[in-house]
Amino acid sequence: MDSANQDINLNSPNKGLGTDSLTDVSVEGAAGNAASTLPPGLTEEEAEELRSELTKVEEEINTLRQVLSAKEKHAYELKRKLGLSPLNEFKQNLTKGWQDVQTSNAYLSATSTLEDITHSEAYKKTQETLSQAGQKTSAALSNMGTAISKRLGDMRNSPTFKSFEDKVGNIKYKVVGGRGNGGVQSPTETKPVQDNAPF
């Protein structure tokens, strides 16, 4: 059910019903039941005038609903011709809403408070401490990387690693043969392997 056809009077017994549903409800029937039990102090003539006025008001409401529905359809067509989609309208509403928030007293007050905090001594000291901690951590990681690189270099130059390197070279020579090095001799032919290797 589209919103243009809904009853917008929240006190109405027909709340939420479309205009088609309202045309099925007879006002005379409702007023006819009330005729047998008139409120005290109300004459039959006054009751008839009120019923007549009620009928006119409900007809006007119905007419206004139809006019509103026609206007909404016309507005929709105009927006469609202008290329305004519901998504574009939503974006415009968000933009306007954000601008309203930025100019609101609460936002301006919060912004001012944040600026005061960032200019305070406590904030500056905290920022300075965190900056120093970051620099020290960076320096420590750099030193650790340098130490690891040096240690790996020392390890590569150790006799144990050299022996391991020779053994890998021998295995490669045995698997690939002389053609793997483009005719270059194996490492064992130029340098004998140590028999006392720990491997």
N, C-alpha and C. Protein backbone atom coordinates (compact mmCIF):
# COMPACT_ATOMS: atom_id res chain seq x y z
N MET A 1 0.86 -1.18 0.00
CA MET A 1 0.00 0.00 0.00
C MET A 1 0.89 1.22 0.00
N ASP A 2 0.62 2.17 -0.89
CA ASP A 2 1.53 3.31 -0.96
C ASP A 2 1.08 4.40 0.00
N SER A 3 2.06 5.15 0.49
CA SER A 3 1.81 6.09 1.58
C SER A 3 0.85 7.20 1.19
N ALA A 4 0.72 7.48 -0.09
CA ALA A 4 -0.19 8.55 -0.50
C ALA A 4 -1.64 8.15 -0.25
N ASN A 5 -1.91 6.86 -0.23
CA ASN A 5 -3.29 6.40 -0.03
C ASN A 5 -3.59 6.04 1.41
N GLN A 6 -2.67 6.27 2.32
CA GLN A 6 -2.91 5.92 3.71
C GLN A 6 -3.60 7.07 4.44
N ASP A 7 -4.42 6.69 5.42
CA ASP A 7 -5.09 7.69 6.24
C ASP A 7 -4.05 8.25 7.20
N ILE A 8 -3.81 9.57 7.15
CA ILE A 8 -2.77 10.15 7.98
C ILE A 8 -3.29 10.66 9.31
N ASN A 9 -4.59 10.65 9.53
CA ASN A 9 -5.15 11.07 10.80
C ASN A 9 -4.95 9.94 11.79
N LEU A 10 -4.10 10.16 12.81
CA LEU A 10 -3.76 9.11 13.75
C LEU A 10 -4.93 8.75 14.67
N ASN A 11 -5.92 9.63 14.78
CA ASN A 11 -7.08 9.36 15.63
C ASN A 11 -8.22 8.71 14.86
N SER A 12 -8.03 8.53 13.58
CA SER A 12 -9.08 8.00 12.73
C SER A 12 -9.26 6.50 12.95
N PRO A 13 -10.50 6.01 12.94
CA PRO A 13 -10.71 4.56 13.04
C PRO A 13 -10.25 3.87 11.76
N ASN A 14 -10.05 4.63 10.68
CA ASN A 14 -9.61 4.06 9.41
C ASN A 14 -8.11 4.22 9.22
N LYS A 15 -7.35 4.43 10.29
CA LYS A 15 -5.91 4.68 10.22
C LYS A 15 -5.22 3.55 9.45
N GLY A 16 -4.44 3.93 8.44
CA GLY A 16 -3.69 2.95 7.67
C GLY A 16 -4.46 2.37 6.51
N LEU A 17 -5.71 2.66 6.39
CA LEU A 17 -6.49 2.14 5.28
C LEU A 17 -6.36 3.06 4.09
N GLY A 18 -6.41 2.51 2.89
CA GLY A 18 -6.32 3.31 1.68
C GLY A 18 -7.63 4.03 1.42
N THR A 19 -7.64 4.92 0.42
CA THR A 19 -8.85 5.68 0.11
C THR A 19 -9.93 4.76 -0.45
N ASP A 20 -9.54 3.67 -1.10
CA ASP A 20 -10.53 2.74 -1.63
C ASP A 20 -11.34 2.15 -0.49
N SER A 21 -10.69 1.87 0.62
CA SER A 21 -11.38 1.29 1.76
C SER A 21 -12.35 2.29 2.37
N LEU A 22 -11.99 3.57 2.32
CA LEU A 22 -12.84 4.58 2.95
C LEU A 22 -14.13 4.80 2.16
N THR A 23 -14.10 4.56 0.86
CA THR A 23 -15.31 4.77 0.08
C THR A 23 -16.34 3.70 0.39
N ASP A 24 -15.92 2.55 0.92
CA ASP A 24 -16.84 1.48 1.27
C ASP A 24 -17.55 1.75 2.61
N VAL A 25 -16.98 2.64 3.44
CA VAL A 25 -17.56 2.91 4.75
C VAL A 25 -18.61 4.00 4.59
N SER A 26 -19.79 3.68 5.04
CA SER A 26 -20.85 4.68 4.89
C SER A 26 -20.94 5.52 6.16
N VAL A 27 -20.92 6.82 5.96
CA VAL A 27 -21.01 7.75 7.07
C VAL A 27 -22.42 7.74 7.65
N GLU A 28 -23.37 7.58 6.79
CA GLU A 28 -24.77 7.56 7.24
C GLU A 28 -25.01 6.41 8.19
N GLY A 29 -24.41 5.27 7.88
CA GLY A 29 -24.62 4.10 8.75
C GLY A 29 -24.08 4.36 10.13
N ALA A 30 -22.93 4.97 10.22
CA ALA A 30 -22.34 5.26 11.52
C ALA A 30 -23.15 6.32 12.24
N ALA A 31 -23.63 7.31 11.50
CA ALA A 31 -24.42 8.37 12.12
C ALA A 31 -25.80 7.85 12.47
N GLY A 32 -26.31 6.91 11.71
CA GLY A 32 -27.63 6.35 11.99
C GLY A 32 -27.66 5.63 13.32
N ASN A 33 -26.57 4.95 13.66
CA ASN A 33 -26.52 4.26 14.93
C ASN A 33 -26.46 5.24 16.08
N ALA A 34 -25.83 6.36 15.84
CA ALA A 34 -25.70 7.36 16.89
C ALA A 34 -27.00 8.12 17.08
N ALA A 35 -27.91 8.08 16.09
CA ALA A 35 -29.15 8.84 16.17
C ALA A 35 -30.05 8.30 17.27
N SER A 36 -30.01 7.02 17.49
CA SER A 36 -30.89 6.45 18.51
C SER A 36 -30.43 6.81 19.91
N THR A 37 -29.11 7.06 20.07
CA THR A 37 -28.61 7.44 21.39
C THR A 37 -27.90 8.78 21.27
N LEU A 38 -28.63 9.83 21.36
CA LEU A 38 -28.06 11.17 21.29
C LEU A 38 -27.44 11.54 22.63
N PRO A 39 -26.30 12.25 22.59
CA PRO A 39 -25.72 12.72 23.85
C PRO A 39 -26.68 13.69 24.53
N PRO A 40 -26.63 13.77 25.85
CA PRO A 40 -27.53 14.68 26.56
C PRO A 40 -27.29 16.13 26.14
N GLY A 41 -28.32 16.88 25.96
CA GLY A 41 -28.24 18.30 25.62
C GLY A 41 -28.13 18.53 24.13
N LEU A 42 -28.25 17.50 23.28
CA LEU A 42 -28.13 17.64 21.83
C LEU A 42 -29.47 17.27 21.21
N THR A 43 -30.00 18.23 20.45
CA THR A 43 -31.30 17.98 19.81
C THR A 43 -31.08 17.23 18.51
N GLU A 44 -32.19 16.73 17.95
CA GLU A 44 -32.13 16.00 16.68
C GLU A 44 -31.61 16.91 15.56
N GLU A 45 -32.03 18.17 15.57
CA GLU A 45 -31.58 19.13 14.56
C GLU A 45 -30.07 19.35 14.63
N GLU A 46 -29.57 19.57 15.83
CA GLU A 46 -28.13 19.78 16.02
C GLU A 46 -27.35 18.54 15.60
N ALA A 47 -27.86 17.38 15.93
CA ALA A 47 -27.21 16.12 15.54
C ALA A 47 -27.18 16.00 14.02
N GLU A 48 -28.27 16.37 13.36
CA GLU A 48 -28.32 16.30 11.89
C GLU A 48 -27.31 17.27 11.27
N GLU A 49 -27.19 18.48 11.84
CA GLU A 49 -26.20 19.45 11.35
C GLU A 49 -24.77 18.90 11.51
N LEU A 50 -24.52 18.31 12.67
CA LEU A 50 -23.19 17.74 12.91
C LEU A 50 -22.90 16.59 11.94
N ARG A 51 -23.88 15.74 11.68
CA ARG A 51 -23.70 14.64 10.72
C ARG A 51 -23.41 15.19 9.33
N SER A 52 -24.11 16.23 8.95
CA SER A 52 -23.92 16.85 7.64
C SER A 52 -22.51 17.45 7.55
N GLU A 53 -22.10 18.14 8.61
CA GLU A 53 -20.77 18.74 8.63
C GLU A 53 -19.69 17.64 8.59
N LEU A 54 -19.93 16.56 9.33
CA LEU A 54 -18.99 15.43 9.33
C LEU A 54 -18.85 14.84 7.93
N THR A 55 -19.95 14.69 7.25
CA THR A 55 -19.93 14.16 5.88
C THR A 55 -19.12 15.07 4.97
N LYS A 56 -19.34 16.39 5.09
CA LYS A 56 -18.60 17.35 4.26
C LYS A 56 -17.11 17.29 4.56
N VAL A 57 -16.75 17.25 5.84
CA VAL A 57 -15.34 17.22 6.24
C VAL A 57 -14.67 15.95 5.70
N GLU A 58 -15.35 14.80 5.81
CA GLU A 58 -14.76 13.56 5.31
C GLU A 58 -14.63 13.58 3.79
N GLU A 59 -15.57 14.22 3.10
CA GLU A 59 -15.46 14.36 1.65
C GLU A 59 -14.27 15.26 1.30
N GLU A 60 -14.09 16.33 2.06
CA GLU A 60 -12.95 17.22 1.84
C GLU A 60 -11.63 16.47 2.07
N ILE A 61 -11.61 15.67 3.13
CA ILE A 61 -10.40 14.87 3.43
C ILE A 61 -10.10 13.94 2.27
N ASN A 62 -11.15 13.29 1.76
CA ASN A 62 -10.97 12.39 0.62
C ASN A 62 -10.44 13.15 -0.59
N THR A 63 -11.00 14.32 -0.85
CA THR A 63 -10.55 15.15 -1.98
C THR A 63 -9.09 15.56 -1.79
N LEU A 64 -8.76 15.98 -0.58
CA LEU A 64 -7.38 16.39 -0.30
C LEU A 64 -6.40 15.22 -0.49
N ARG A 65 -6.82 14.02 -0.09
CA ARG A 65 -5.97 12.84 -0.30
C ARG A 65 -5.72 12.61 -1.78
N GLN A 66 -6.78 12.75 -2.57
CA GLN A 66 -6.64 12.54 -4.01
C GLN A 66 -5.74 13.61 -4.63
N VAL A 67 -5.91 14.85 -4.18
CA VAL A 67 -5.07 15.94 -4.69
C VAL A 67 -3.61 15.70 -4.28
N LEU A 68 -3.40 15.30 -3.03
CA LEU A 68 -2.04 15.03 -2.54
C LEU A 68 -1.41 13.89 -3.34
N SER A 69 -2.17 12.86 -3.59
CA SER A 69 -1.65 11.73 -4.37
C SER A 69 -1.27 12.19 -5.78
N ALA A 70 -2.13 12.98 -6.41
CA ALA A 70 -1.83 13.49 -7.75
C ALA A 70 -0.58 14.38 -7.73
N LYS A 71 -0.45 15.22 -6.70
CA LYS A 71 0.72 16.10 -6.58
C LYS A 71 2.00 15.27 -6.38
N GLU A 72 1.91 14.23 -5.57
CA GLU A 72 3.08 13.38 -5.34
C GLU A 72 3.51 12.69 -6.63
N LYS A 73 2.54 12.20 -7.40
CA LYS A 73 2.85 11.57 -8.69
C LYS A 73 3.50 12.58 -9.63
N HIS A 74 2.95 13.79 -9.65
CA HIS A 74 3.50 14.84 -10.51
C HIS A 74 4.94 15.19 -10.09
N ALA A 75 5.17 15.30 -8.79
CA ALA A 75 6.51 15.59 -8.27
C ALA A 75 7.48 14.46 -8.64
N TYR A 76 7.02 13.22 -8.55
CA TYR A 76 7.85 12.07 -8.90
C TYR A 76 8.24 12.14 -10.38
N GLU A 77 7.29 12.45 -11.24
CA GLU A 77 7.56 12.56 -12.67
C GLU A 77 8.56 13.69 -12.96
N LEU A 78 8.38 14.83 -12.29
CA LEU A 78 9.31 15.95 -12.48
C LEU A 78 10.73 15.55 -12.05
N LYS A 79 10.84 14.88 -10.91
CA LYS A 79 12.16 14.45 -10.42
C LYS A 79 12.78 13.45 -11.39
N ARG A 80 11.95 12.54 -11.92
CA ARG A 80 12.46 11.56 -12.87
C ARG A 80 12.99 12.25 -14.12
N LYS A 81 12.25 13.26 -14.61
CA LYS A 81 12.69 14.00 -15.80
C LYS A 81 13.97 14.78 -15.54
N LEU A 82 14.14 15.25 -14.31
CA LEU A 82 15.35 15.99 -13.94
C LEU A 82 16.52 15.07 -13.61
N GLY A 83 16.24 13.77 -13.56
CA GLY A 83 17.30 12.82 -13.25
C GLY A 83 17.58 12.69 -11.77
N LEU A 84 16.66 13.12 -10.95
CA LEU A 84 16.83 13.01 -9.50
C LEU A 84 16.27 11.67 -9.04
N SER A 85 17.16 10.81 -8.59
CA SER A 85 16.72 9.50 -8.11
C SER A 85 16.59 9.55 -6.59
N PRO A 86 15.91 8.57 -6.01
CA PRO A 86 15.84 8.53 -4.55
C PRO A 86 17.22 8.46 -3.91
N LEU A 87 18.17 7.80 -4.60
CA LEU A 87 19.53 7.73 -4.05
C LEU A 87 20.18 9.11 -4.02
N ASN A 88 19.98 9.89 -5.09
CA ASN A 88 20.52 11.26 -5.11
C ASN A 88 19.90 12.10 -4.00
N GLU A 89 18.59 11.94 -3.81
CA GLU A 89 17.93 12.69 -2.73
C GLU A 89 18.49 12.28 -1.38
N PHE A 90 18.73 10.98 -1.21
CA PHE A 90 19.29 10.49 0.04
C PHE A 90 20.67 11.10 0.28
N LYS A 91 21.50 11.14 -0.78
CA LYS A 91 22.83 11.74 -0.66
C LYS A 91 22.72 13.22 -0.28
N GLN A 92 21.80 13.94 -0.93
CA GLN A 92 21.62 15.35 -0.62
C GLN A 92 21.17 15.54 0.83
N ASN A 93 20.26 14.66 1.28
CA ASN A 93 19.80 14.75 2.67
C ASN A 93 20.94 14.48 3.64
N LEU A 94 21.79 13.50 3.31
CA LEU A 94 22.94 13.22 4.17
C LEU A 94 23.90 14.40 4.22
N THR A 95 24.15 14.97 3.05
CA THR A 95 25.06 16.12 2.99
C THR A 95 24.51 17.29 3.81
N LYS A 96 23.23 17.56 3.61
CA LYS A 96 22.60 18.65 4.37
C LYS A 96 22.63 18.34 5.87
N GLY A 97 22.34 17.09 6.21
CA GLY A 97 22.36 16.69 7.62
C GLY A 97 23.73 16.87 8.24
N TRP A 98 24.78 16.48 7.48
CA TRP A 98 26.15 16.63 7.98
C TRP A 98 26.51 18.10 8.15
N GLN A 99 26.06 18.94 7.21
CA GLN A 99 26.32 20.37 7.33
C GLN A 99 25.60 20.93 8.56
N ASP A 100 24.39 20.46 8.80
CA ASP A 100 23.65 20.90 9.98
C ASP A 100 24.37 20.49 11.25
N VAL A 101 24.91 19.26 11.25
CA VAL A 101 25.65 18.79 12.43
C VAL A 101 26.88 19.65 12.66
N GLN A 102 27.60 19.96 11.57
CA GLN A 102 28.83 20.74 11.70
C GLN A 102 28.57 22.16 12.19
N THR A 103 27.40 22.67 11.94
CA THR A 103 27.10 24.03 12.40
C THR A 103 26.34 24.03 13.73
N SER A 104 26.06 22.83 14.26
CA SER A 104 25.31 22.77 15.52
C SER A 104 26.20 23.18 16.69
N ASN A 105 25.58 23.67 17.74
CA ASN A 105 26.32 24.10 18.93
C ASN A 105 27.08 22.95 19.57
N ALA A 106 26.47 21.76 19.61
CA ALA A 106 27.13 20.61 20.23
C ALA A 106 28.42 20.26 19.49
N TYR A 107 28.36 20.24 18.17
CA TYR A 107 29.54 19.90 17.37
C TYR A 107 30.63 20.96 17.55
N LEU A 108 30.23 22.21 17.48
CA LEU A 108 31.21 23.29 17.63
C LEU A 108 31.85 23.25 19.02
N SER A 109 31.04 22.94 20.03
CA SER A 109 31.56 22.84 21.39
C SER A 109 32.54 21.68 21.52
N ALA A 110 32.19 20.53 20.91
CA ALA A 110 33.07 19.37 20.96
C ALA A 110 34.37 19.65 20.22
N THR A 111 34.28 20.30 19.09
CA THR A 111 35.48 20.65 18.31
C THR A 111 36.37 21.57 19.12
N SER A 112 35.77 22.55 19.77
CA SER A 112 36.53 23.49 20.59
C SER A 112 37.22 22.75 21.74
N THR A 113 36.50 21.82 22.37
CA THR A 113 37.07 21.04 23.47
C THR A 113 38.25 20.21 22.98
N LEU A 114 38.10 19.57 21.82
CA LEU A 114 39.20 18.76 21.27
C LEU A 114 40.42 19.64 20.95
N GLU A 115 40.18 20.82 20.44
CA GLU A 115 41.29 21.73 20.17
C GLU A 115 41.99 22.13 21.46
N ASP A 116 41.20 22.37 22.51
CA ASP A 116 41.79 22.70 23.81
C ASP A 116 42.65 21.56 24.32
N ILE A 117 42.15 20.33 24.13
CA ILE A 117 42.89 19.15 24.60
C ILE A 117 44.21 19.03 23.83
N THR A 118 44.16 19.20 22.51
CA THR A 118 45.38 19.03 21.72
C THR A 118 46.41 20.12 22.02
N HIS A 119 45.99 21.24 22.56
CA HIS A 119 46.94 22.30 22.90
C HIS A 119 47.35 22.24 24.38
N SER A 120 46.82 21.27 25.12
CA SER A 120 47.15 21.18 26.55
C SER A 120 48.53 20.56 26.74
N GLU A 121 49.12 20.82 27.88
CA GLU A 121 50.46 20.31 28.22
C GLU A 121 50.44 18.79 28.33
N ALA A 122 49.39 18.23 28.93
CA ALA A 122 49.31 16.77 29.10
C ALA A 122 49.31 16.08 27.74
N TYR A 123 48.57 16.61 26.81
CA TYR A 123 48.51 16.02 25.46
C TYR A 123 49.87 16.10 24.79
N LYS A 124 50.52 17.25 24.91
CA LYS A 124 51.83 17.43 24.28
C LYS A 124 52.85 16.47 24.88
N LYS A 125 52.81 16.29 26.22
CA LYS A 125 53.75 15.38 26.88
C LYS A 125 53.48 13.94 26.45
N THR A 126 52.23 13.56 26.37
CA THR A 126 51.87 12.20 25.94
C THR A 126 52.33 11.96 24.51
N GLN A 127 52.09 12.93 23.65
CA GLN A 127 52.50 12.81 22.25
C GLN A 127 54.02 12.69 22.15
N GLU A 128 54.71 13.47 22.93
CA GLU A 128 56.18 13.46 22.92
C GLU A 128 56.69 12.11 23.42
N THR A 129 56.10 11.59 24.50
CA THR A 129 56.50 10.30 25.06
C THR A 129 56.28 9.18 24.05
N LEU A 130 55.11 9.17 23.41
CA LEU A 130 54.82 8.14 22.42
C LEU A 130 55.77 8.24 21.23
N SER A 131 56.12 9.44 20.84
CA SER A 131 57.06 9.63 19.73
C SER A 131 58.43 9.08 20.10
N GLN A 132 58.89 9.37 21.32
CA GLN A 132 60.18 8.87 21.77
C GLN A 132 60.16 7.34 21.86
N ALA A 133 59.06 6.78 22.37
CA ALA A 133 58.95 5.33 22.47
C ALA A 133 59.02 4.70 21.09
N GLY A 134 58.37 5.31 20.12
CA GLY A 134 58.42 4.80 18.75
C GLY A 134 59.83 4.85 18.18
N GLN A 135 60.54 5.94 18.44
CA GLN A 135 61.91 6.07 17.94
C GLN A 135 62.83 5.03 18.59
N LYS A 136 62.66 4.82 19.91
CA LYS A 136 63.50 3.84 20.61
C LYS A 136 63.20 2.42 20.12
N THR A 137 61.93 2.13 19.88
CA THR A 137 61.56 0.81 19.38
C THR A 137 62.14 0.59 18.00
N SER A 138 62.06 1.60 17.16
CA SER A 138 62.62 1.52 15.81
C SER A 138 64.12 1.29 15.86
N ALA A 139 64.80 2.02 16.74
CA ALA A 139 66.26 1.87 16.88
C ALA A 139 66.61 0.47 17.38
N ALA A 140 65.83 -0.04 18.35
CA ALA A 140 66.10 -1.37 18.89
C ALA A 140 65.91 -2.44 17.82
N LEU A 141 64.86 -2.32 17.02
CA LEU A 141 64.62 -3.29 15.95
C LEU A 141 65.73 -3.20 14.89
N SER A 142 66.18 -2.01 14.60
CA SER A 142 67.26 -1.84 13.64
C SER A 142 68.54 -2.49 14.16
N ASN A 143 68.87 -2.26 15.45
CA ASN A 143 70.06 -2.87 16.06
C ASN A 143 69.95 -4.39 16.05
N MET A 144 68.77 -4.89 16.34
CA MET A 144 68.58 -6.34 16.37
C MET A 144 68.78 -6.92 14.96
N GLY A 145 68.26 -6.24 13.95
CA GLY A 145 68.45 -6.69 12.57
C GLY A 145 69.92 -6.70 12.18
N THR A 146 70.64 -5.67 12.59
CA THR A 146 72.07 -5.60 12.30
C THR A 146 72.82 -6.74 13.00
N ALA A 147 72.47 -7.01 14.26
CA ALA A 147 73.13 -8.08 15.01
C ALA A 147 72.85 -9.44 14.37
N ILE A 148 71.64 -9.66 13.94
CA ILE A 148 71.30 -10.94 13.30
C ILE A 148 72.06 -11.09 11.99
N SER A 149 72.14 -10.02 11.21
CA SER A 149 72.88 -10.07 9.94
C SER A 149 74.36 -10.38 10.20
N LYS A 150 74.93 -9.74 11.21
CA LYS A 150 76.35 -9.96 11.54
C LYS A 150 76.56 -11.40 11.98
N ARG A 151 75.65 -11.90 12.81
CA ARG A 151 75.77 -13.26 13.32
C ARG A 151 75.66 -14.27 12.18
N LEU A 152 74.76 -14.05 11.25
CA LEU A 152 74.65 -14.95 10.10
C LEU A 152 75.90 -14.88 9.24
N GLY A 153 76.47 -13.69 9.08
CA GLY A 153 77.73 -13.56 8.33
C GLY A 153 78.86 -14.30 9.01
N ASP A 154 78.95 -14.19 10.35
CA ASP A 154 79.99 -14.92 11.10
C ASP A 154 79.78 -16.42 10.95
N MET A 155 78.53 -16.84 11.00
CA MET A 155 78.22 -18.26 10.89
C MET A 155 78.62 -18.79 9.51
N ARG A 156 78.42 -17.98 8.49
CA ARG A 156 78.75 -18.41 7.13
C ARG A 156 80.25 -18.59 6.95
N ASN A 157 81.00 -17.81 7.67
CA ASN A 157 82.46 -17.91 7.57
C ASN A 157 83.05 -18.95 8.52
N SER A 158 82.24 -19.60 9.31
CA SER A 158 82.75 -20.59 10.27
C SER A 158 83.16 -21.87 9.55
N PRO A 159 84.10 -22.63 10.14
CA PRO A 159 84.56 -23.89 9.53
C PRO A 159 83.42 -24.90 9.37
N THR A 160 82.49 -24.92 10.29
CA THR A 160 81.38 -25.87 10.21
C THR A 160 80.54 -25.58 8.98
N PHE A 161 80.22 -24.32 8.75
CA PHE A 161 79.41 -23.95 7.59
C PHE A 161 80.16 -24.24 6.30
N LYS A 162 81.47 -23.97 6.29
CA LYS A 162 82.29 -24.24 5.10
C LYS A 162 82.25 -25.73 4.79
N SER A 163 82.38 -26.57 5.84
CA SER A 163 82.33 -28.02 5.65
C SER A 163 80.97 -28.43 5.08
N PHE A 164 79.90 -27.85 5.62
CA PHE A 164 78.55 -28.15 5.12
C PHE A 164 78.41 -27.73 3.66
N GLU A 165 78.96 -26.57 3.33
CA GLU A 165 78.91 -26.05 1.96
C GLU A 165 79.64 -26.99 1.01
N ASP A 166 80.78 -27.51 1.46
CA ASP A 166 81.54 -28.45 0.64
C ASP A 166 80.75 -29.73 0.40
N LYS A 167 80.10 -30.24 1.44
CA LYS A 167 79.32 -31.47 1.30
C LYS A 167 78.16 -31.27 0.34
N VAL A 168 77.48 -30.13 0.41
CA VAL A 168 76.38 -29.84 -0.51
C VAL A 168 76.93 -29.76 -1.93
N GLY A 169 78.11 -29.18 -2.09
CA GLY A 169 78.74 -29.10 -3.41
C GLY A 169 79.06 -30.48 -3.95
N ASN A 170 79.55 -31.37 -3.08
CA ASN A 170 79.86 -32.74 -3.50
C ASN A 170 78.60 -33.47 -3.93
N ILE A 171 77.54 -33.32 -3.16
CA ILE A 171 76.28 -34.00 -3.50
C ILE A 171 75.76 -33.46 -4.82
N LYS A 172 75.87 -32.19 -5.03
CA LYS A 172 75.41 -31.60 -6.28
C LYS A 172 76.22 -32.16 -7.44
N TYR A 173 77.52 -32.28 -7.24
CA TYR A 173 78.38 -32.79 -8.30
C TYR A 173 78.02 -34.23 -8.64
N LYS A 174 77.73 -35.02 -7.61
CA LYS A 174 77.38 -36.41 -7.83
C LYS A 174 76.03 -36.53 -8.54
N VAL A 175 75.09 -35.67 -8.21
CA VAL A 175 73.75 -35.73 -8.82
C VAL A 175 73.77 -35.14 -10.22
N VAL A 176 74.32 -33.96 -10.38
CA VAL A 176 74.29 -33.25 -11.65
C VAL A 176 75.46 -33.68 -12.54
N GLY A 177 76.57 -33.90 -11.96
CA GLY A 177 77.75 -34.27 -12.73
C GLY A 177 78.51 -33.05 -13.18
N GLY A 178 79.49 -33.25 -14.06
CA GLY A 178 80.35 -32.18 -14.54
C GLY A 178 79.63 -31.20 -15.44
N ARG A 179 78.56 -31.61 -16.07
CA ARG A 179 77.86 -30.72 -16.99
C ARG A 179 77.03 -29.66 -16.29
N GLY A 180 76.71 -29.82 -14.98
CA GLY A 180 75.88 -28.86 -14.24
C GLY A 180 76.57 -27.53 -14.08
N ASN A 181 77.92 -27.52 -14.05
CA ASN A 181 78.64 -26.27 -13.86
C ASN A 181 79.20 -25.75 -15.17
N GLY A 182 78.72 -26.28 -16.26
CA GLY A 182 79.23 -25.83 -17.55
C GLY A 182 80.65 -26.29 -17.79
N GLY A 183 80.99 -27.50 -17.30
CA GLY A 183 82.31 -28.04 -17.52
C GLY A 183 83.30 -27.67 -16.45
N VAL A 184 82.89 -26.94 -15.43
CA VAL A 184 83.76 -26.56 -14.33
C VAL A 184 83.92 -27.75 -13.43
N GLN A 185 85.10 -27.91 -12.88
CA GLN A 185 85.37 -29.05 -12.01
C GLN A 185 84.59 -28.92 -10.71
N SER A 186 84.35 -30.06 -10.06
CA SER A 186 83.64 -30.05 -8.79
C SER A 186 84.54 -29.48 -7.72
N PRO A 187 83.96 -29.05 -6.61
CA PRO A 187 84.77 -28.49 -5.53
C PRO A 187 85.72 -29.52 -4.93
N THR A 188 85.38 -30.79 -5.01
CA THR A 188 86.24 -31.82 -4.39
C THR A 188 87.50 -32.04 -5.18
N GLU A 189 87.47 -31.74 -6.48
CA GLU A 189 88.67 -31.94 -7.28
C GLU A 189 89.70 -30.85 -7.00
N THR A 190 89.24 -29.70 -6.57
CA THR A 190 90.18 -28.63 -6.28
C THR A 190 90.57 -28.59 -4.82
N LYS A 191 89.71 -29.16 -3.97
CA LYS A 191 89.96 -29.06 -2.53
C LYS A 191 89.40 -30.32 -1.88
N PRO A 192 90.20 -31.07 -1.19
CA PRO A 192 89.70 -32.30 -0.57
C PRO A 192 88.75 -32.00 0.58
N VAL A 193 87.77 -32.88 0.79
CA VAL A 193 86.79 -32.74 1.85
C VAL A 193 87.41 -33.20 3.16
N GLN A 194 87.11 -32.51 4.23
CA GLN A 194 87.62 -32.87 5.53
C GLN A 194 86.85 -34.07 6.06
N ASP A 195 87.54 -35.05 6.59
CA ASP A 195 86.90 -36.25 7.13
C ASP A 195 86.36 -36.04 8.53
N ASN A 196 86.81 -35.03 9.23
CA ASN A 196 86.38 -34.81 10.61
C ASN A 196 85.20 -33.84 10.71
N ALA A 197 84.39 -33.74 9.65
CA ALA A 197 83.23 -32.84 9.68
C ALA A 197 82.18 -33.39 10.65
N PRO A 198 81.45 -32.53 11.35
CA PRO A 198 80.48 -33.00 12.35
C PRO A 198 79.23 -33.58 11.73
N PHE A 199 79.05 -33.55 10.44
CA PHE A 199 77.81 -34.02 9.83
C PHE A 199 77.92 -35.45 9.39
